PDB file of N, CA and C in Angstrom:
ATOM      1  N   MET A   1     -16.622   8.655  -2.160  1.00  0.00           N
ATOM      2  CA  MET A   1     -15.364   8.797  -2.851  1.00  0.00           C
ATOM      3  C   MET A   1     -15.249   7.670  -3.878  1.00  0.00           C
ATOM      4  N   LEU A   2     -14.738   8.020  -5.031  1.00  0.00           N
ATOM      5  CA  LEU A   2     -14.517   7.050  -6.098  1.00  0.00           C
ATOM      6  C   LEU A   2     -13.028   6.710  -6.140  1.00  0.00           C
ATOM      7  N   VAL A   3     -12.712   5.461  -6.452  1.00  0.00           N
ATOM      8  CA  VAL A   3     -11.333   4.987  -6.354  1.00  0.00           C
ATOM      9  C   VAL A   3     -10.844   4.501  -7.719  1.00  0.00           C
ATOM     10  N   LEU A   4      -9.651   4.967  -8.093  1.00  0.00           N
ATOM     11  CA  LEU A   4      -9.031   4.480  -9.314  1.00  0.00           C
ATOM     12  C   LEU A   4      -8.380   3.127  -9.051  1.00  0.00           C
ATOM     13  N   PRO A   5      -8.275   2.292 -10.089  1.00  0.00           N
ATOM     14  CA  PRO A   5      -7.627   0.995  -9.919  1.00  0.00           C
ATOM     15  C   PRO A   5      -6.112   1.142  -9.800  1.00  0.00           C
ATOM     16  N   GLN A   6      -5.457   0.046  -9.531  1.00  0.00           N
ATOM     17  CA  GLN A   6      -3.996   0.054  -9.411  1.00  0.00           C
ATOM     18  C   GLN A   6      -3.341   0.324 -10.765  1.00  0.00           C
ATOM     19  N   GLU A   7      -3.964  -0.136 -11.830  1.00  0.00           N
ATOM     20  CA  GLU A   7      -3.422   0.043 -13.178  1.00  0.00           C
ATOM     21  C   GLU A   7      -4.432   0.773 -14.049  1.00  0.00           C
ATOM     22  N   LEU A   8      -3.952   1.800 -14.732  1.00  0.00           N
ATOM     23  CA  LEU A   8      -4.815   2.556 -15.650  1.00  0.00           C
ATOM     24  C   LEU A   8      -4.001   2.924 -16.891  1.00  0.00           C
ATOM     25  N   MET A   9      -4.049   2.008 -17.843  1.00  0.00           N
ATOM     26  CA  MET A   9      -3.360   2.190 -19.114  1.00  0.00           C
ATOM     27  C   MET A   9      -4.421   2.392 -20.195  1.00  0.00           C
ATOM     28  N   GLN A  10      -3.984   2.608 -21.417  1.00  0.00           N
ATOM     29  CA  GLN A  10      -4.911   2.876 -22.513  1.00  0.00           C
ATOM     30  C   GLN A  10      -5.987   1.800 -22.628  1.00  0.00           C
ATOM     31  N   GLY A  11      -5.636   0.547 -22.432  1.00  0.00           N
ATOM     32  CA  GLY A  11      -6.587  -0.543 -22.552  1.00  0.00           C
ATOM     33  C   GLY A  11      -7.690  -0.531 -21.507  1.00  0.00           C
ATOM     34  N   GLN A  12      -7.444   0.088 -20.362  1.00  0.00           N
ATOM     35  CA  GLN A  12      -8.441   0.149 -19.293  1.00  0.00           C
ATOM     36  C   GLN A  12      -9.181   1.487 -19.231  1.00  0.00           C
ATOM     37  N   ALA A  13      -8.773   2.453 -20.030  1.00  0.00           N
ATOM     38  CA  ALA A  13      -9.278   3.823 -19.897  1.00  0.00           C
ATOM     39  C   ALA A  13     -10.789   3.929 -20.075  1.00  0.00           C
ATOM     40  N   THR A  14     -11.337   3.325 -21.113  1.00  0.00           N
ATOM     41  CA  THR A  14     -12.771   3.446 -21.376  1.00  0.00           C
ATOM     42  C   THR A  14     -13.591   2.833 -20.253  1.00  0.00           C
ATOM     43  N   ALA A  15     -13.205   1.636 -19.815  1.00  0.00           N
ATOM     44  CA  ALA A  15     -13.941   0.969 -18.733  1.00  0.00           C
ATOM     45  C   ALA A  15     -13.824   1.748 -17.433  1.00  0.00           C
ATOM     46  N   CYS A  16     -12.660   2.303 -17.161  1.00  0.00           N
ATOM     47  CA  CYS A  16     -12.466   3.073 -15.933  1.00  0.00           C
ATOM     48  C   CYS A  16     -13.316   4.334 -15.947  1.00  0.00           C
ATOM     49  N   LEU A  17     -13.341   5.025 -17.067  1.00  0.00           N
ATOM     50  CA  LEU A  17     -14.162   6.226 -17.166  1.00  0.00           C
ATOM     51  C   LEU A  17     -15.632   5.881 -16.994  1.00  0.00           C
ATOM     52  N   ARG A  18     -16.070   4.808 -17.607  1.00  0.00           N
ATOM     53  CA  ARG A  18     -17.463   4.373 -17.476  1.00  0.00           C
ATOM     54  C   ARG A  18     -17.800   4.098 -16.009  1.00  0.00           C
ATOM     55  N   MET A  19     -16.888   3.435 -15.301  1.00  0.00           N
ATOM     56  CA  MET A  19     -17.089   3.137 -13.880  1.00  0.00           C
ATOM     57  C   MET A  19     -17.181   4.425 -13.058  1.00  0.00           C
ATOM     58  N   LEU A  20     -16.323   5.380 -13.351  1.00  0.00           N
ATOM     59  CA  LEU A  20     -16.344   6.649 -12.622  1.00  0.00           C
ATOM     60  C   LEU A  20     -17.653   7.403 -12.868  1.00  0.00           C
ATOM     61  N   VAL A  21     -18.084   7.446 -14.118  1.00  0.00           N
ATOM     62  CA  VAL A  21     -19.321   8.167 -14.454  1.00  0.00           C
ATOM     63  C   VAL A  21     -20.521   7.492 -13.783  1.00  0.00           C
ATOM     64  N   GLN A  22     -20.543   6.169 -13.739  1.00  0.00           N
ATOM     65  CA  GLN A  22     -21.614   5.475 -13.027  1.00  0.00           C
ATOM     66  C   GLN A  22     -21.584   5.828 -11.545  1.00  0.00           C
ATOM     67  N   GLY A  23     -20.392   5.867 -10.974  1.00  0.00           N
ATOM     68  CA  GLY A  23     -20.245   6.213  -9.571  1.00  0.00           C
ATOM     69  C   GLY A  23     -20.646   7.645  -9.278  1.00  0.00           C
ATOM     70  N   LEU A  24     -20.485   8.516 -10.246  1.00  0.00           N
ATOM     71  CA  LEU A  24     -20.843   9.925 -10.074  1.00  0.00           C
ATOM     72  C   LEU A  24     -22.317  10.064  -9.727  1.00  0.00           C
ATOM     73  N   ARG A  25     -23.145   9.240 -10.299  1.00  0.00           N
ATOM     74  CA  ARG A  25     -24.590   9.305 -10.058  1.00  0.00           C
ATOM     75  C   ARG A  25     -24.947   9.022  -8.599  1.00  0.00           C
ATOM     76  N   SER A  26     -24.104   8.262  -7.925  1.00  0.00           N
ATOM     77  CA  SER A  26     -24.398   7.902  -6.532  1.00  0.00           C
ATOM     78  C   SER A  26     -23.776   8.861  -5.518  1.00  0.00           C
ATOM     79  N   GLN A  27     -23.067   9.862  -5.983  1.00  0.00           N
ATOM     80  CA  GLN A  27     -22.390  10.795  -5.091  1.00  0.00           C
ATOM     81  C   GLN A  27     -23.328  11.923  -4.679  1.00  0.00           C
ATOM     82  N   SER A  28     -23.568  12.025  -3.389  1.00  0.00           N
ATOM     83  CA  SER A  28     -24.363  13.151  -2.896  1.00  0.00           C
ATOM     84  C   SER A  28     -23.398  14.243  -2.449  1.00  0.00           C
ATOM     85  N   GLY A  29     -23.889  15.409  -2.307  1.00  0.00           N
ATOM     86  CA  GLY A  29     -23.050  16.511  -1.882  1.00  0.00           C
ATOM     87  C   GLY A  29     -22.487  17.273  -3.057  1.00  0.00           C
ATOM     88  N   PRO A  30     -21.849  18.395  -2.755  1.00  0.00           N
ATOM     89  CA  PRO A  30     -21.395  19.297  -3.809  1.00  0.00           C
ATOM     90  C   PRO A  30     -20.049  18.928  -4.433  1.00  0.00           C
ATOM     91  N   GLN A  31     -19.334  17.959  -3.858  1.00  0.00           N
ATOM     92  CA  GLN A  31     -18.002  17.630  -4.356  1.00  0.00           C
ATOM     93  C   GLN A  31     -17.866  16.137  -4.585  1.00  0.00           C
ATOM     94  N   VAL A  32     -17.178  15.788  -5.654  1.00  0.00           N
ATOM     95  CA  VAL A  32     -16.826  14.397  -5.918  1.00  0.00           C
ATOM     96  C   VAL A  32     -15.302  14.287  -5.849  1.00  0.00           C
ATOM     97  N   VAL A  33     -14.848  13.286  -5.102  1.00  0.00           N
ATOM     98  CA  VAL A  33     -13.408  13.080  -4.906  1.00  0.00           C
ATOM     99  C   VAL A  33     -13.017  11.748  -5.529  1.00  0.00           C
ATOM    100  N   VAL A  34     -11.936  11.776  -6.283  1.00  0.00           N
ATOM    101  CA  VAL A  34     -11.371  10.565  -6.866  1.00  0.00           C
ATOM    102  C   VAL A  34     -10.087  10.250  -6.106  1.00  0.00           C
ATOM    103  N   ASP A  35     -10.035   9.052  -5.544  1.00  0.00           N
ATOM    104  CA  ASP A  35      -8.843   8.607  -4.819  1.00  0.00           C
ATOM    105  C   ASP A  35      -7.923   7.899  -5.804  1.00  0.00           C
ATOM    106  N   ALA A  36      -6.762   8.486  -6.049  1.00  0.00           N
ATOM    107  CA  ALA A  36      -5.793   7.929  -6.988  1.00  0.00           C
ATOM    108  C   ALA A  36      -4.615   7.275  -6.280  1.00  0.00           C
ATOM    109  N   SER A  37      -4.704   7.116  -4.974  1.00  0.00           N
ATOM    110  CA  SER A  37      -3.555   6.631  -4.209  1.00  0.00           C
ATOM    111  C   SER A  37      -3.164   5.191  -4.534  1.00  0.00           C
ATOM    112  N   ALA A  38      -4.079   4.377  -5.044  1.00  0.00           N
ATOM    113  CA  ALA A  38      -3.746   2.996  -5.398  1.00  0.00           C
ATOM    114  C   ALA A  38      -3.044   2.893  -6.751  1.00  0.00           C
ATOM    115  N   LEU A  39      -3.098   3.954  -7.524  1.00  0.00           N
ATOM    116  CA  LEU A  39      -2.571   3.954  -8.891  1.00  0.00           C
ATOM    117  C   LEU A  39      -1.053   3.825  -8.890  1.00  0.00           C
ATOM    118  N   THR A  40      -0.561   2.712  -9.435  1.00  0.00           N
ATOM    119  CA  THR A  40       0.891   2.496  -9.490  1.00  0.00           C
ATOM    120  C   THR A  40       1.398   2.304 -10.910  1.00  0.00           C
ATOM    121  N   ARG A  41       0.540   1.849 -11.797  1.00  0.00           N
ATOM    122  CA  ARG A  41       0.945   1.643 -13.191  1.00  0.00           C
ATOM    123  C   ARG A  41      -0.031   2.402 -14.077  1.00  0.00           C
ATOM    124  N   PHE A  42       0.502   3.355 -14.845  1.00  0.00           N
ATOM    125  CA  PHE A  42      -0.372   4.205 -15.658  1.00  0.00           C
ATOM    126  C   PHE A  42       0.405   4.789 -16.819  1.00  0.00           C
ATOM    127  N   ASP A  43      -0.326   5.314 -17.769  1.00  0.00           N
ATOM    128  CA  ASP A  43       0.257   6.089 -18.855  1.00  0.00           C
ATOM    129  C   ASP A  43      -0.562   7.379 -18.976  1.00  0.00           C
ATOM    130  N   SER A  44      -0.365   8.114 -20.030  1.00  0.00           N
ATOM    131  CA  SER A  44      -1.062   9.394 -20.168  1.00  0.00           C
ATOM    132  C   SER A  44      -2.578   9.224 -20.294  1.00  0.00           C
ATOM    133  N   SER A  45      -3.038   8.009 -20.551  1.00  0.00           N
ATOM    134  CA  SER A  45      -4.479   7.755 -20.582  1.00  0.00           C
ATOM    135  C   SER A  45      -5.126   8.068 -19.239  1.00  0.00           C
ATOM    136  N   ALA A  46      -4.386   7.902 -18.156  1.00  0.00           N
ATOM    137  CA  ALA A  46      -4.917   8.219 -16.828  1.00  0.00           C
ATOM    138  C   ALA A  46      -5.291   9.690 -16.750  1.00  0.00           C
ATOM    139  N   LEU A  47      -4.470  10.541 -17.339  1.00  0.00           N
ATOM    140  CA  LEU A  47      -4.794  11.972 -17.354  1.00  0.00           C
ATOM    141  C   LEU A  47      -6.045  12.239 -18.187  1.00  0.00           C
ATOM    142  N   ALA A  48      -6.154  11.562 -19.313  1.00  0.00           N
ATOM    143  CA  ALA A  48      -7.338  11.735 -20.161  1.00  0.00           C
ATOM    144  C   ALA A  48      -8.601  11.325 -19.414  1.00  0.00           C
ATOM    145  N   VAL A  49      -8.528  10.220 -18.677  1.00  0.00           N
ATOM    146  CA  VAL A  49      -9.679   9.764 -17.895  1.00  0.00           C
ATOM    147  C   VAL A  49     -10.033  10.798 -16.836  1.00  0.00           C
ATOM    148  N   LEU A  50      -9.038  11.285 -16.111  1.00  0.00           N
ATOM    149  CA  LEU A  50      -9.300  12.273 -15.059  1.00  0.00           C
ATOM    150  C   LEU A  50      -9.881  13.563 -15.625  1.00  0.00           C
ATOM    151  N   LEU A  51      -9.361  14.015 -16.755  1.00  0.00           N
ATOM    152  CA  LEU A  51      -9.877  15.252 -17.356  1.00  0.00           C
ATOM    153  C   LEU A  51     -11.313  15.086 -17.847  1.00  0.00           C
ATOM    154  N   GLU A  52     -11.608  13.953 -18.457  1.00  0.00           N
ATOM    155  CA  GLU A  52     -12.981  13.717 -18.927  1.00  0.00           C
ATOM    156  C   GLU A  52     -13.928  13.564 -17.741  1.00  0.00           C
ATOM    157  N   PHE A  53     -13.467  12.891 -16.690  1.00  0.00           N
ATOM    158  CA  PHE A  53     -14.327  12.753 -15.524  1.00  0.00           C
ATOM    159  C   PHE A  53     -14.526  14.104 -14.837  1.00  0.00           C
ATOM    160  N   ARG A  54     -13.523  14.945 -14.849  1.00  0.00           N
ATOM    161  CA  ARG A  54     -13.668  16.307 -14.316  1.00  0.00           C
ATOM    162  C   ARG A  54     -14.769  17.041 -15.074  1.00  0.00           C
ATOM    163  N   ARG A  55     -14.745  16.916 -16.398  1.00  0.00           N
ATOM    164  CA  ARG A  55     -15.757  17.563 -17.231  1.00  0.00           C
ATOM    165  C   ARG A  55     -17.151  17.036 -16.891  1.00  0.00           C
ATOM    166  N   GLU A  56     -17.279  15.727 -16.749  1.00  0.00           N
ATOM    167  CA  GLU A  56     -18.566  15.113 -16.384  1.00  0.00           C
ATOM    168  C   GLU A  56     -19.037  15.600 -15.014  1.00  0.00           C
ATOM    169  N   SER A  57     -18.115  15.692 -14.074  1.00  0.00           N
ATOM    170  CA  SER A  57     -18.456  16.142 -12.720  1.00  0.00           C
ATOM    171  C   SER A  57     -18.957  17.578 -12.731  1.00  0.00           C
ATOM    172  N   LEU A  58     -18.232  18.439 -13.415  1.00  0.00           N
ATOM    173  CA  LEU A  58     -18.634  19.845 -13.486  1.00  0.00           C
ATOM    174  C   LEU A  58     -19.977  19.990 -14.198  1.00  0.00           C
ATOM    175  N   ALA A  59     -20.209  19.190 -15.238  1.00  0.00           N
ATOM    176  CA  ALA A  59     -21.487  19.236 -15.945  1.00  0.00           C
ATOM    177  C   ALA A  59     -22.637  18.789 -15.037  1.00  0.00           C
ATOM    178  N   ALA A  60     -22.331  17.932 -14.065  1.00  0.00           N
ATOM    179  CA  ALA A  60     -23.334  17.479 -13.103  1.00  0.00           C
ATOM    180  C   ALA A  60     -23.484  18.450 -11.934  1.00  0.00           C
ATOM    181  N   GLY A  61     -22.741  19.558 -11.977  1.00  0.00           N
ATOM    182  CA  GLY A  61     -22.847  20.572 -10.937  1.00  0.00           C
ATOM    183  C   GLY A  61     -22.042  20.271  -9.688  1.00  0.00           C
ATOM    184  N   LYS A  62     -21.037  19.432  -9.819  1.00  0.00           N
ATOM    185  CA  LYS A  62     -20.218  19.058  -8.662  1.00  0.00           C
ATOM    186  C   LYS A  62     -18.795  19.560  -8.826  1.00  0.00           C
ATOM    187  N   ASN A  63     -18.192  19.940  -7.709  1.00  0.00           N
ATOM    188  CA  ASN A  63     -16.776  20.262  -7.703  1.00  0.00           C
ATOM    189  C   ASN A  63     -16.004  18.956  -7.790  1.00  0.00           C
ATOM    190  N   PHE A  64     -14.824  19.021  -8.367  1.00  0.00           N
ATOM    191  CA  PHE A  64     -14.002  17.838  -8.614  1.00  0.00           C
ATOM    192  C   PHE A  64     -12.675  17.992  -7.883  1.00  0.00           C
ATOM    193  N   ALA A  65     -12.236  16.927  -7.219  1.00  0.00           N
ATOM    194  CA  ALA A  65     -10.942  16.944  -6.551  1.00  0.00           C
ATOM    195  C   ALA A  65     -10.334  15.546  -6.585  1.00  0.00           C
ATOM    196  N   ILE A  66      -9.022  15.503  -6.414  1.00  0.00           N
ATOM    197  CA  ILE A  66      -8.291  14.240  -6.421  1.00  0.00           C
ATOM    198  C   ILE A  66      -7.557  14.081  -5.103  1.00  0.00           C
ATOM    199  N   ARG A  67      -7.599  12.878  -4.578  1.00  0.00           N
ATOM    200  CA  ARG A  67      -6.835  12.536  -3.382  1.00  0.00           C
ATOM    201  C   ARG A  67      -5.731  11.568  -3.802  1.00  0.00           C
ATOM    202  N   GLY A  68      -4.528  11.808  -3.330  1.00  0.00           N
ATOM    203  CA  GLY A  68      -3.434  10.865  -3.526  1.00  0.00           C
ATOM    204  C   GLY A  68      -2.919  10.749  -4.944  1.00  0.00           C
ATOM    205  N   LEU A  69      -2.876  11.854  -5.673  1.00  0.00           N
ATOM    206  CA  LEU A  69      -2.338  11.821  -7.035  1.00  0.00           C
ATOM    207  C   LEU A  69      -0.870  11.408  -6.973  1.00  0.00           C
ATOM    208  N   PRO A  70      -0.486  10.318  -7.653  1.00  0.00           N
ATOM    209  CA  PRO A  70       0.922   9.906  -7.645  1.00  0.00           C
ATOM    210  C   PRO A  70       1.825  11.013  -8.186  1.00  0.00           C
ATOM    211  N   ALA A  71       2.983  11.159  -7.583  1.00  0.00           N
ATOM    212  CA  ALA A  71       3.914  12.225  -7.972  1.00  0.00           C
ATOM    213  C   ALA A  71       4.261  12.169  -9.455  1.00  0.00           C
ATOM    214  N   ARG A  72       4.480  10.978  -9.985  1.00  0.00           N
ATOM    215  CA  ARG A  72       4.839  10.862 -11.409  1.00  0.00           C
ATOM    216  C   ARG A  72       3.692  11.314 -12.313  1.00  0.00           C
ATOM    217  N   LEU A  73       2.455  11.042 -11.906  1.00  0.00           N
ATOM    218  CA  LEU A  73       1.314  11.493 -12.697  1.00  0.00           C
ATOM    219  C   LEU A  73       1.165  13.008 -12.584  1.00  0.00           C
ATOM    220  N   GLY A  74       1.431  13.548 -11.409  1.00  0.00           N
ATOM    221  CA  GLY A  74       1.437  14.997 -11.236  1.00  0.00           C
ATOM    222  C   GLY A  74       2.506  15.664 -12.082  1.00  0.00           C
ATOM    223  N   ASP A  75       3.679  15.030 -12.161  1.00  0.00           N
ATOM    224  CA  ASP A  75       4.758  15.558 -13.006  1.00  0.00           C
ATOM    225  C   ASP A  75       4.348  15.573 -14.480  1.00  0.00           C
ATOM    226  N   LEU A  76       3.670  14.502 -14.903  1.00  0.00           N
ATOM    227  CA  LEU A  76       3.203  14.432 -16.286  1.00  0.00           C
ATOM    228  C   LEU A  76       2.154  15.507 -16.565  1.00  0.00           C
ATOM    229  N   ALA A  77       1.257  15.722 -15.618  1.00  0.00           N
ATOM    230  CA  ALA A  77       0.242  16.768 -15.767  1.00  0.00           C
ATOM    231  C   ALA A  77       0.896  18.156 -15.823  1.00  0.00           C
ATOM    232  N   THR A  78       1.930  18.349 -15.025  1.00  0.00           N
ATOM    233  CA  THR A  78       2.662  19.615 -15.055  1.00  0.00           C
ATOM    234  C   THR A  78       3.334  19.808 -16.413  1.00  0.00           C
ATOM    235  N   LEU A  79       3.944  18.753 -16.914  1.00  0.00           N
ATOM    236  CA  LEU A  79       4.605  18.812 -18.216  1.00  0.00           C
ATOM    237  C   LEU A  79       3.619  19.193 -19.317  1.00  0.00           C
ATOM    238  N   TYR A  80       2.413  18.656 -19.244  1.00  0.00           N
ATOM    239  CA  TYR A  80       1.380  18.956 -20.239  1.00  0.00           C
ATOM    240  C   TYR A  80       0.668  20.282 -19.980  1.00  0.00           C
ATOM    241  N   GLY A  81       0.954  20.919 -18.843  1.00  0.00           N
ATOM    242  CA  GLY A  81       0.344  22.207 -18.533  1.00  0.00           C
ATOM    243  C   GLY A  81      -1.097  22.113 -18.063  1.00  0.00           C
ATOM    244  N   ILE A  82      -1.469  20.975 -17.461  1.00  0.00           N
ATOM    245  CA  ILE A  82      -2.855  20.796 -17.038  1.00  0.00           C
ATOM    246  C   ILE A  82      -3.002  20.535 -15.546  1.00  0.00           C
ATOM    247  N   ILE A  83      -1.950  20.665 -14.792  1.00  0.00           N
ATOM    248  CA  ILE A  83      -1.999  20.328 -13.375  1.00  0.00           C
ATOM    249  C   ILE A  83      -3.059  21.137 -12.624  1.00  0.00           C
ATOM    250  N   GLU A  84      -3.299  22.371 -13.038  1.00  0.00           N
ATOM    251  CA  GLU A  84      -4.294  23.207 -12.360  1.00  0.00           C
ATOM    252  C   GLU A  84      -5.719  22.687 -12.573  1.00  0.00           C
ATOM    253  N   LEU A  85      -5.916  21.820 -13.541  1.00  0.00           N
ATOM    254  CA  LEU A  85      -7.231  21.229 -13.781  1.00  0.00           C
ATOM    255  C   LEU A  85      -7.484  20.003 -12.905  1.00  0.00           C
ATOM    256  N   LEU A  86      -6.468  19.597 -12.143  1.00  0.00           N
ATOM    257  CA  LEU A  86      -6.561  18.409 -11.289  1.00  0.00           C
ATOM    258  C   LEU A  86      -6.304  18.803  -9.842  1.00  0.00           C
ATOM    259  N   PRO A  87      -7.255  19.496  -9.217  1.00  0.00           N
ATOM    260  CA  PRO A  87      -7.034  20.011  -7.868  1.00  0.00           C
ATOM    261  C   PRO A  87      -7.001  18.901  -6.807  1.00  0.00           C
ATOM    262  N   SER A  88      -6.158  19.113  -5.811  1.00  0.00           N
ATOM    263  CA  SER A  88      -6.094  18.195  -4.683  1.00  0.00           C
ATOM    264  C   SER A  88      -7.277  18.427  -3.773  1.00  0.00           C
ATOM    265  N   GLU A  89      -7.710  17.368  -3.113  1.00  0.00           N
ATOM    266  CA  GLU A  89      -8.826  17.458  -2.171  1.00  0.00           C
ATOM    267  C   GLU A  89      -8.424  18.354  -1.011  1.00  0.00           C
ATOM    268  N   GLN A  90      -9.304  19.267  -0.632  1.00  0.00           N
ATOM    269  CA  GLN A  90      -9.100  20.111   0.537  1.00  0.00           C
ATOM    270  C   GLN A  90      -9.693  19.399   1.735  1.00  0.00           C
ATOM    271  N   GLN A  91      -8.844  18.977   2.652  1.00  0.00           N
ATOM    272  CA  GLN A  91      -9.339  18.216   3.814  1.00  0.00           C
ATOM    273  C   GLN A  91      -9.562  19.109   4.998  1.00  0.00           C
TER     274      GLN A  91
END
C-alpha cells in the first residue's frame, strides 16, 4: 500500500506523484491501493495527483483503489464530476 502525506498542495504535487510512481514499481499483485487517511491539508492538486497516478496504475496493468479518502476531498471530486474515477478499496 502506498501512503499519501499529511499535506498535499500544489507545491508538493510533483514530488508526491513521483514518489507514488516509484512505489508502483514495488507493488506486486493486481491492485495498488493508495492510503489517503493521513491527508489533512490539501487543495485540488491532490485530485490531479490521484488521477495521474490512477492513469499510471492502469497503464501498468493494475487496478487502482483509495483507502481513507477524506470527506472534503471526496466532496471536491464529486463537484468536479470525477468521484467515480477514485474508487474506494474493497476490503
